[in-house]
Amino acid sequence: LAPADGAFYIYADVSRFTGDSVQLCSKMLQDIGV
């Protein structure tokens, strides 16, 4: 995770799961509603 010093965001490396974050996000919304 990137240092989350402020704002209200966490930026996470998902390379262990995918090389296509668009597809991962779409499937996450479809499967679990996040």
PDB file of all heavy atoms in Angstrom:
ATOM      1  N   LEU A   1       0.837  -1.192   0.000  1.00  0.00           N
ATOM      2  CA  LEU A   1       0.000   0.000   0.000  1.00  0.00           C
ATOM      3  C   LEU A   1       0.875   1.246   0.000  1.00  0.00           C
ATOM      4  O   LEU A   1       1.907   1.298   0.678  1.00  0.00           O
ATOM      5  CB  LEU A   1      -0.903   0.018   1.241  1.00  0.00           C
ATOM      6  CG  LEU A   1      -1.714  -1.257   1.528  1.00  0.00           C
ATOM      7  CD1 LEU A   1      -2.434  -1.136   2.862  1.00  0.00           C
ATOM      8  CD2 LEU A   1      -2.711  -1.521   0.391  1.00  0.00           C
ATOM      9  N   ALA A   2       0.455   2.266  -0.741  1.00  0.00           N
ATOM     10  CA  ALA A   2       1.154   3.553  -0.699  1.00  0.00           C
ATOM     11  C   ALA A   2       0.932   4.196   0.669  1.00  0.00           C
ATOM     12  O   ALA A   2      -0.083   3.942   1.327  1.00  0.00           O
ATOM     13  CB  ALA A   2       0.618   4.456  -1.797  1.00  0.00           C
ATOM     14  N   PRO A   3       1.888   5.014   1.127  1.00  0.00           N
ATOM     15  CA  PRO A   3       1.693   5.705   2.412  1.00  0.00           C
ATOM     16  C   PRO A   3       0.413   6.542   2.397  1.00  0.00           C
ATOM     17  O   PRO A   3       0.256   7.418   1.555  1.00  0.00           O
ATOM     18  CB  PRO A   3       2.934   6.596   2.513  1.00  0.00           C
ATOM     19  CG  PRO A   3       3.954   5.949   1.641  1.00  0.00           C
ATOM     20  CD  PRO A   3       3.178   5.342   0.504  1.00  0.00           C
ATOM     21  N   ALA A   4      -0.493   6.223   3.311  1.00  0.00           N
ATOM     22  CA  ALA A   4      -1.797   6.900   3.345  1.00  0.00           C
ATOM     23  C   ALA A   4      -1.764   7.993   4.410  1.00  0.00           C
ATOM     24  O   ALA A   4      -2.396   7.900   5.452  1.00  0.00           O
ATOM     25  CB  ALA A   4      -2.904   5.887   3.629  1.00  0.00           C
ATOM     26  N   ASP A   5      -1.028   9.064   4.119  1.00  0.00           N
ATOM     27  CA  ASP A   5      -0.814  10.127   5.108  1.00  0.00           C
ATOM     28  C   ASP A   5      -2.035  11.013   5.286  1.00  0.00           C
ATOM     29  O   ASP A   5      -2.242  11.581   6.359  1.00  0.00           O
ATOM     30  CB  ASP A   5       0.372  11.007   4.683  1.00  0.00           C
ATOM     31  CG  ASP A   5       1.652  10.216   4.467  1.00  0.00           C
ATOM     32  OD1 ASP A   5       1.955   9.359   5.309  1.00  0.00           O
ATOM     33  OD2 ASP A   5       2.337  10.460   3.458  1.00  0.00           O
ATOM     34  N   GLY A   6      -2.827  11.168   4.216  1.00  0.00           N
ATOM     35  CA  GLY A   6      -3.942  12.097   4.290  1.00  0.00           C
ATOM     36  C   GLY A   6      -4.984  11.788   3.239  1.00  0.00           C
ATOM     37  O   GLY A   6      -4.972  10.720   2.627  1.00  0.00           O
ATOM     38  N   ALA A   7      -5.890  12.753   3.021  1.00  0.00           N
ATOM     39  CA  ALA A   7      -7.052  12.570   2.156  1.00  0.00           C
ATOM     40  C   ALA A   7      -7.903  11.423   2.703  1.00  0.00           C
ATOM     41  O   ALA A   7      -7.933  11.179   3.913  1.00  0.00           O
ATOM     42  CB  ALA A   7      -6.637  12.327   0.697  1.00  0.00           C
ATOM     43  N   PHE A   8      -8.603  10.678   1.832  1.00  0.00           N
ATOM     44  CA  PHE A   8      -9.336   9.486   2.295  1.00  0.00           C
ATOM     45  C   PHE A   8      -9.213   8.380   1.264  1.00  0.00           C
ATOM     46  O   PHE A   8     -10.205   7.798   0.830  1.00  0.00           O
ATOM     47  CB  PHE A   8     -10.802   9.782   2.639  1.00  0.00           C
ATOM     48  CG  PHE A   8     -11.474  10.878   1.852  1.00  0.00           C
ATOM     49  CD1 PHE A   8     -11.535  10.828   0.464  1.00  0.00           C
ATOM     50  CD2 PHE A   8     -12.065  11.947   2.504  1.00  0.00           C
ATOM     51  CE1 PHE A   8     -12.167  11.818  -0.256  1.00  0.00           C
ATOM     52  CE2 PHE A   8     -12.703  12.959   1.788  1.00  0.00           C
ATOM     53  CZ  PHE A   8     -12.749  12.891   0.412  1.00  0.00           C
ATOM     54  N   TYR A   9      -7.946   8.112   0.879  1.00  0.00           N
ATOM     55  CA  TYR A   9      -7.663   7.098  -0.130  1.00  0.00           C
ATOM     56  C   TYR A   9      -6.577   6.129   0.328  1.00  0.00           C
ATOM     57  O   TYR A   9      -5.660   6.522   1.061  1.00  0.00           O
ATOM     58  CB  TYR A   9      -7.171   7.746  -1.429  1.00  0.00           C
ATOM     59  CG  TYR A   9      -8.082   8.785  -1.997  1.00  0.00           C
ATOM     60  CD1 TYR A   9      -7.654  10.094  -2.165  1.00  0.00           C
ATOM     61  CD2 TYR A   9      -9.388   8.468  -2.374  1.00  0.00           C
ATOM     62  CE1 TYR A   9      -8.488  11.057  -2.686  1.00  0.00           C
ATOM     63  CE2 TYR A   9     -10.235   9.424  -2.890  1.00  0.00           C
ATOM     64  CZ  TYR A   9      -9.776  10.722  -3.042  1.00  0.00           C
ATOM     65  OH  TYR A   9     -10.614  11.678  -3.558  1.00  0.00           O
ATOM     66  N   ILE A  10      -6.688   4.908  -0.163  1.00  0.00           N
ATOM     67  CA  ILE A  10      -5.602   3.938  -0.069  1.00  0.00           C
ATOM     68  C   ILE A  10      -5.375   3.387  -1.471  1.00  0.00           C
ATOM     69  O   ILE A  10      -6.317   2.966  -2.148  1.00  0.00           O
ATOM     70  CB  ILE A  10      -5.922   2.807   0.929  1.00  0.00           C
ATOM     71  CG1 ILE A  10      -5.926   3.366   2.360  1.00  0.00           C
ATOM     72  CG2 ILE A  10      -4.915   1.672   0.797  1.00  0.00           C
ATOM     73  CD1 ILE A  10      -6.246   2.343   3.424  1.00  0.00           C
ATOM     74  N   TYR A  11      -4.121   3.415  -1.893  1.00  0.00           N
ATOM     75  CA  TYR A  11      -3.732   2.975  -3.234  1.00  0.00           C
ATOM     76  C   TYR A  11      -2.998   1.654  -3.074  1.00  0.00           C
ATOM     77  O   TYR A  11      -1.938   1.588  -2.454  1.00  0.00           O
ATOM     78  CB  TYR A  11      -2.832   4.026  -3.862  1.00  0.00           C
ATOM     79  CG  TYR A  11      -2.706   3.952  -5.364  1.00  0.00           C
ATOM     80  CD1 TYR A  11      -3.824   4.017  -6.192  1.00  0.00           C
ATOM     81  CD2 TYR A  11      -1.447   3.873  -5.973  1.00  0.00           C
ATOM     82  CE1 TYR A  11      -3.711   3.995  -7.573  1.00  0.00           C
ATOM     83  CE2 TYR A  11      -1.317   3.856  -7.357  1.00  0.00           C
ATOM     84  CZ  TYR A  11      -2.452   3.918  -8.155  1.00  0.00           C
ATOM     85  OH  TYR A  11      -2.329   3.896  -9.526  1.00  0.00           O
ATOM     86  N   ALA A  12      -3.595   0.593  -3.627  1.00  0.00           N
ATOM     87  CA  ALA A  12      -3.125  -0.762  -3.359  1.00  0.00           C
ATOM     88  C   ALA A  12      -2.587  -1.422  -4.619  1.00  0.00           C
ATOM     89  O   ALA A  12      -3.221  -1.363  -5.684  1.00  0.00           O
ATOM     90  CB  ALA A  12      -4.265  -1.605  -2.782  1.00  0.00           C
ATOM     91  N   ASP A  13      -1.458  -2.100  -4.472  1.00  0.00           N
ATOM     92  CA  ASP A  13      -0.863  -2.902  -5.537  1.00  0.00           C
ATOM     93  C   ASP A  13      -1.615  -4.235  -5.611  1.00  0.00           C
ATOM     94  O   ASP A  13      -1.671  -4.989  -4.630  1.00  0.00           O
ATOM     95  CB  ASP A  13       0.617  -3.127  -5.218  1.00  0.00           C
ATOM     96  CG  ASP A  13       1.373  -3.839  -6.323  1.00  0.00           C
ATOM     97  OD1 ASP A  13       0.768  -4.650  -7.048  1.00  0.00           O
ATOM     98  OD2 ASP A  13       2.595  -3.615  -6.433  1.00  0.00           O
ATOM     99  N   VAL A  14      -2.196  -4.525  -6.777  1.00  0.00           N
ATOM    100  CA  VAL A  14      -2.963  -5.768  -6.951  1.00  0.00           C
ATOM    101  C   VAL A  14      -2.298  -6.691  -7.963  1.00  0.00           C
ATOM    102  O   VAL A  14      -2.932  -7.596  -8.509  1.00  0.00           O
ATOM    103  CB  VAL A  14      -4.422  -5.479  -7.379  1.00  0.00           C
ATOM    104  CG1 VAL A  14      -5.190  -4.796  -6.261  1.00  0.00           C
ATOM    105  CG2 VAL A  14      -4.462  -4.637  -8.664  1.00  0.00           C
ATOM    106  N   SER A  15      -1.004  -6.489  -8.214  1.00  0.00           N
ATOM    107  CA  SER A  15      -0.324  -7.249  -9.267  1.00  0.00           C
ATOM    108  C   SER A  15      -0.278  -8.743  -8.955  1.00  0.00           C
ATOM    109  O   SER A  15      -0.152  -9.560  -9.879  1.00  0.00           O
ATOM    110  CB  SER A  15       1.094  -6.707  -9.478  1.00  0.00           C
ATOM    111  OG  SER A  15       1.850  -6.747  -8.276  1.00  0.00           O
ATOM    112  N   ARG A  16      -0.393  -9.117  -7.690  1.00  0.00           N
ATOM    113  CA  ARG A  16      -0.409 -10.555  -7.375  1.00  0.00           C
ATOM    114  C   ARG A  16      -1.711 -11.209  -7.808  1.00  0.00           C
ATOM    115  O   ARG A  16      -1.797 -12.440  -7.918  1.00  0.00           O
ATOM    116  CB  ARG A  16      -0.166 -10.782  -5.881  1.00  0.00           C
ATOM    117  CG  ARG A  16      -1.290 -10.302  -4.970  1.00  0.00           C
ATOM    118  CD  ARG A  16      -1.007 -10.556  -3.513  1.00  0.00           C
ATOM    119  NE  ARG A  16      -0.952 -11.985  -3.211  1.00  0.00           N
ATOM    120  CZ  ARG A  16      -0.805 -12.465  -1.988  1.00  0.00           C
ATOM    121  NH1 ARG A  16      -0.639 -11.629  -0.960  1.00  0.00           N
ATOM    122  NH2 ARG A  16      -0.787 -13.764  -1.776  1.00  0.00           N
ATOM    123  N   PHE A  17      -2.737 -10.395  -8.051  1.00  0.00           N
ATOM    124  CA  PHE A  17      -4.041 -10.917  -8.450  1.00  0.00           C
ATOM    125  C   PHE A  17      -4.344 -10.722  -9.931  1.00  0.00           C
ATOM    126  O   PHE A  17      -5.106 -11.485 -10.516  1.00  0.00           O
ATOM    127  CB  PHE A  17      -5.156 -10.257  -7.634  1.00  0.00           C
ATOM    128  CG  PHE A  17      -5.079 -10.535  -6.166  1.00  0.00           C
ATOM    129  CD1 PHE A  17      -4.564  -9.589  -5.281  1.00  0.00           C
ATOM    130  CD2 PHE A  17      -5.515 -11.750  -5.651  1.00  0.00           C
ATOM    131  CE1 PHE A  17      -4.503  -9.842  -3.930  1.00  0.00           C
ATOM    132  CE2 PHE A  17      -5.449 -12.016  -4.288  1.00  0.00           C
ATOM    133  CZ  PHE A  17      -4.926 -11.065  -3.427  1.00  0.00           C
ATOM    134  N   THR A  18      -3.796  -9.660 -10.531  1.00  0.00           N
ATOM    135  CA  THR A  18      -4.182  -9.326 -11.907  1.00  0.00           C
ATOM    136  C   THR A  18      -3.163  -8.396 -12.534  1.00  0.00           C
ATOM    137  O   THR A  18      -2.409  -7.711 -11.839  1.00  0.00           O
ATOM    138  CB  THR A  18      -5.565  -8.640 -11.922  1.00  0.00           C
ATOM    139  OG1 THR A  18      -5.987  -8.450 -13.268  1.00  0.00           O
ATOM    140  CG2 THR A  18      -5.508  -7.286 -11.238  1.00  0.00           C
ATOM    141  N   GLY A  19      -3.180  -8.355 -13.846  1.00  0.00           N
ATOM    142  CA  GLY A  19      -2.466  -7.346 -14.604  1.00  0.00           C
ATOM    143  C   GLY A  19      -3.430  -6.410 -15.297  1.00  0.00           C
ATOM    144  O   GLY A  19      -3.043  -5.624 -16.156  1.00  0.00           O
ATOM    145  N   ASP A  20      -4.701  -6.488 -14.907  1.00  0.00           N
ATOM    146  CA  ASP A  20      -5.754  -5.694 -15.533  1.00  0.00           C
ATOM    147  C   ASP A  20      -6.683  -5.173 -14.442  1.00  0.00           C
ATOM    148  O   ASP A  20      -7.679  -5.811 -14.089  1.00  0.00           O
ATOM    149  CB  ASP A  20      -6.526  -6.541 -16.548  1.00  0.00           C
ATOM    150  CG  ASP A  20      -7.571  -5.748 -17.329  1.00  0.00           C
ATOM    151  OD1 ASP A  20      -7.886  -4.614 -16.931  1.00  0.00           O
ATOM    152  OD2 ASP A  20      -8.087  -6.288 -18.327  1.00  0.00           O
ATOM    153  N   SER A  21      -6.356  -4.007 -13.898  1.00  0.00           N
ATOM    154  CA  SER A  21      -7.131  -3.479 -12.774  1.00  0.00           C
ATOM    155  C   SER A  21      -8.550  -3.102 -13.192  1.00  0.00           C
ATOM    156  O   SER A  21      -9.471  -3.132 -12.372  1.00  0.00           O
ATOM    157  CB  SER A  21      -6.426  -2.275 -12.147  1.00  0.00           C
ATOM    158  OG  SER A  21      -6.246  -1.237 -13.091  1.00  0.00           O
ATOM    159  N   VAL A  22      -8.755  -2.744 -14.459  1.00  0.00           N
ATOM    160  CA  VAL A  22     -10.113  -2.423 -14.923  1.00  0.00           C
ATOM    161  C   VAL A  22     -11.002  -3.653 -14.815  1.00  0.00           C
ATOM    162  O   VAL A  22     -12.124  -3.602 -14.299  1.00  0.00           O
ATOM    163  CB  VAL A  22     -10.086  -1.900 -16.371  1.00  0.00           C
ATOM    164  CG1 VAL A  22     -11.507  -1.735 -16.903  1.00  0.00           C
ATOM    165  CG2 VAL A  22      -9.345  -0.573 -16.447  1.00  0.00           C
ATOM    166  N   GLN A  23     -10.488  -4.772 -15.294  1.00  0.00           N
ATOM    167  CA  GLN A  23     -11.265  -6.014 -15.226  1.00  0.00           C
ATOM    168  C   GLN A  23     -11.502  -6.431 -13.778  1.00  0.00           C
ATOM    169  O   GLN A  23     -12.604  -6.867 -13.413  1.00  0.00           O
ATOM    170  CB  GLN A  23     -10.537  -7.123 -15.981  1.00  0.00           C
ATOM    171  CG  GLN A  23     -11.325  -8.441 -16.031  1.00  0.00           C
ATOM    172  CD  GLN A  23     -10.551  -9.534 -16.734  1.00  0.00           C
ATOM    173  OE1 GLN A  23      -9.402  -9.804 -16.392  1.00  0.00           O
ATOM    174  NE2 GLN A  23     -11.178 -10.174 -17.719  1.00  0.00           N
ATOM    175  N   LEU A  24     -10.481  -6.281 -12.935  1.00  0.00           N
ATOM    176  CA  LEU A  24     -10.631  -6.650 -11.527  1.00  0.00           C
ATOM    177  C   LEU A  24     -11.717  -5.810 -10.862  1.00  0.00           C
ATOM    178  O   LEU A  24     -12.569  -6.339 -10.136  1.00  0.00           O
ATOM    179  CB  LEU A  24      -9.305  -6.480 -10.787  1.00  0.00           C
ATOM    180  CG  LEU A  24      -9.335  -6.845  -9.302  1.00  0.00           C
ATOM    181  CD1 LEU A  24      -9.447  -8.355  -9.115  1.00  0.00           C
ATOM    182  CD2 LEU A  24      -8.098  -6.302  -8.573  1.00  0.00           C
ATOM    183  N   CYS A  25     -11.700  -4.507 -11.101  1.00  0.00           N
ATOM    184  CA  CYS A  25     -12.701  -3.632 -10.490  1.00  0.00           C
ATOM    185  C   CYS A  25     -14.102  -3.953 -10.990  1.00  0.00           C
ATOM    186  O   CYS A  25     -15.065  -3.931 -10.212  1.00  0.00           O
ATOM    187  CB  CYS A  25     -12.359  -2.176 -10.766  1.00  0.00           C
ATOM    188  SG  CYS A  25     -10.883  -1.590  -9.919  1.00  0.00           S
ATOM    189  N   SER A  26     -14.220  -4.237 -12.280  1.00  0.00           N
ATOM    190  CA  SER A  26     -15.529  -4.573 -12.834  1.00  0.00           C
ATOM    191  C   SER A  26     -16.063  -5.863 -12.224  1.00  0.00           C
ATOM    192  O   SER A  26     -17.242  -5.953 -11.851  1.00  0.00           O
ATOM    193  CB  SER A  26     -15.420  -4.715 -14.355  1.00  0.00           C
ATOM    194  OG  SER A  26     -16.654  -5.040 -14.922  1.00  0.00           O
ATOM    195  N   LYS A  27     -15.193  -6.844 -12.081  1.00  0.00           N
ATOM    196  CA  LYS A  27     -15.614  -8.129 -11.509  1.00  0.00           C
ATOM    197  C   LYS A  27     -15.919  -7.983 -10.018  1.00  0.00           C
ATOM    198  O   LYS A  27     -16.841  -8.615  -9.498  1.00  0.00           O
ATOM    199  CB  LYS A  27     -14.529  -9.179 -11.743  1.00  0.00           C
ATOM    200  CG  LYS A  27     -14.965 -10.598 -11.400  1.00  0.00           C
ATOM    201  CD  LYS A  27     -14.034 -11.624 -11.997  1.00  0.00           C
ATOM    202  CE  LYS A  27     -14.371 -13.030 -11.550  1.00  0.00           C
ATOM    203  NZ  LYS A  27     -15.784 -13.391 -11.786  1.00  0.00           N
ATOM    204  N   MET A  28     -15.163  -7.169  -9.327  1.00  0.00           N
ATOM    205  CA  MET A  28     -15.413  -6.929  -7.906  1.00  0.00           C
ATOM    206  C   MET A  28     -16.798  -6.331  -7.692  1.00  0.00           C
ATOM    207  O   MET A  28     -17.546  -6.751  -6.801  1.00  0.00           O
ATOM    208  CB  MET A  28     -14.340  -5.986  -7.336  1.00  0.00           C
ATOM    209  CG  MET A  28     -14.405  -5.786  -5.834  1.00  0.00           C
ATOM    210  SD  MET A  28     -13.207  -4.546  -5.244  1.00  0.00           S
ATOM    211  CE  MET A  28     -11.651  -5.262  -5.773  1.00  0.00           C
ATOM    212  N   LEU A  29     -17.159  -5.378  -8.536  1.00  0.00           N
ATOM    213  CA  LEU A  29     -18.494  -4.780  -8.434  1.00  0.00           C
ATOM    214  C   LEU A  29     -19.564  -5.809  -8.765  1.00  0.00           C
ATOM    215  O   LEU A  29     -20.580  -5.920  -8.065  1.00  0.00           O
ATOM    216  CB  LEU A  29     -18.593  -3.585  -9.382  1.00  0.00           C
ATOM    217  CG  LEU A  29     -19.938  -2.873  -9.434  1.00  0.00           C
ATOM    218  CD1 LEU A  29     -20.337  -2.315  -8.075  1.00  0.00           C
ATOM    219  CD2 LEU A  29     -19.902  -1.756 -10.483  1.00  0.00           C
ATOM    220  N   GLN A  30     -19.330  -6.581  -9.793  1.00  0.00           N
ATOM    221  CA  GLN A  30     -20.310  -7.583 -10.226  1.00  0.00           C
ATOM    222  C   GLN A  30     -20.487  -8.686  -9.195  1.00  0.00           C
ATOM    223  O   GLN A  30     -21.616  -9.100  -8.897  1.00  0.00           O
ATOM    224  CB  GLN A  30     -19.847  -8.196 -11.551  1.00  0.00           C
ATOM    225  CG  GLN A  30     -20.731  -9.312 -12.079  1.00  0.00           C
ATOM    226  CD  GLN A  30     -20.159  -9.933 -13.355  1.00  0.00           C
ATOM    227  OE1 GLN A  30     -19.509  -9.255 -14.138  1.00  0.00           O
ATOM    228  NE2 GLN A  30     -20.398 -11.213 -13.549  1.00  0.00           N
ATOM    229  N   ASP A  31     -19.384  -9.161  -8.613  1.00  0.00           N
ATOM    230  CA  ASP A  31     -19.451 -10.325  -7.719  1.00  0.00           C
ATOM    231  C   ASP A  31     -19.850  -9.977  -6.294  1.00  0.00           C
ATOM    232  O   ASP A  31     -20.644 -10.706  -5.672  1.00  0.00           O
ATOM    233  CB  ASP A  31     -18.098 -11.046  -7.700  1.00  0.00           C
ATOM    234  CG  ASP A  31     -17.779 -11.741  -9.017  1.00  0.00           C
ATOM    235  OD1 ASP A  31     -18.637 -11.748  -9.908  1.00  0.00           O
ATOM    236  OD2 ASP A  31     -16.641 -12.258  -9.135  1.00  0.00           O
ATOM    237  N   ILE A  32     -19.292  -8.889  -5.748  1.00  0.00           N
ATOM    238  CA  ILE A  32     -19.514  -8.614  -4.320  1.00  0.00           C
ATOM    239  C   ILE A  32     -20.048  -7.210  -4.047  1.00  0.00           C
ATOM    240  O   ILE A  32     -20.198  -6.821  -2.886  1.00  0.00           O
ATOM    241  CB  ILE A  32     -18.232  -8.857  -3.493  1.00  0.00           C
ATOM    242  CG1 ILE A  32     -17.097  -7.935  -3.945  1.00  0.00           C
ATOM    243  CG2 ILE A  32     -17.813 -10.321  -3.567  1.00  0.00           C
ATOM    244  CD1 ILE A  32     -15.860  -7.993  -3.042  1.00  0.00           C
ATOM    245  N   GLY A  33     -20.320  -6.435  -5.099  1.00  0.00           N
ATOM    246  CA  GLY A  33     -20.941  -5.134  -4.893  1.00  0.00           C
ATOM    247  C   GLY A  33     -20.052  -4.105  -4.239  1.00  0.00           C
ATOM    248  O   GLY A  33     -20.546  -3.177  -3.598  1.00  0.00           O
ATOM    249  N   VAL A  34     -18.734  -4.225  -4.399  1.00  0.00           N
ATOM    250  CA  VAL A  34     -17.807  -3.226  -3.884  1.00  0.00           C
ATOM    251  C   VAL A  34     -17.257  -2.446  -5.070  1.00  0.00           C
ATOM    252  O   VAL A  34     -16.630  -3.026  -5.968  1.00  0.00           O
ATOM    253  CB  VAL A  34     -16.651  -3.869  -3.087  1.00  0.00           C
ATOM    254  CG1 VAL A  34     -15.641  -2.803  -2.660  1.00  0.00           C
ATOM    255  CG2 VAL A  34     -17.206  -4.591  -1.854  1.00  0.00           C
TER     256      VAL A  34
END
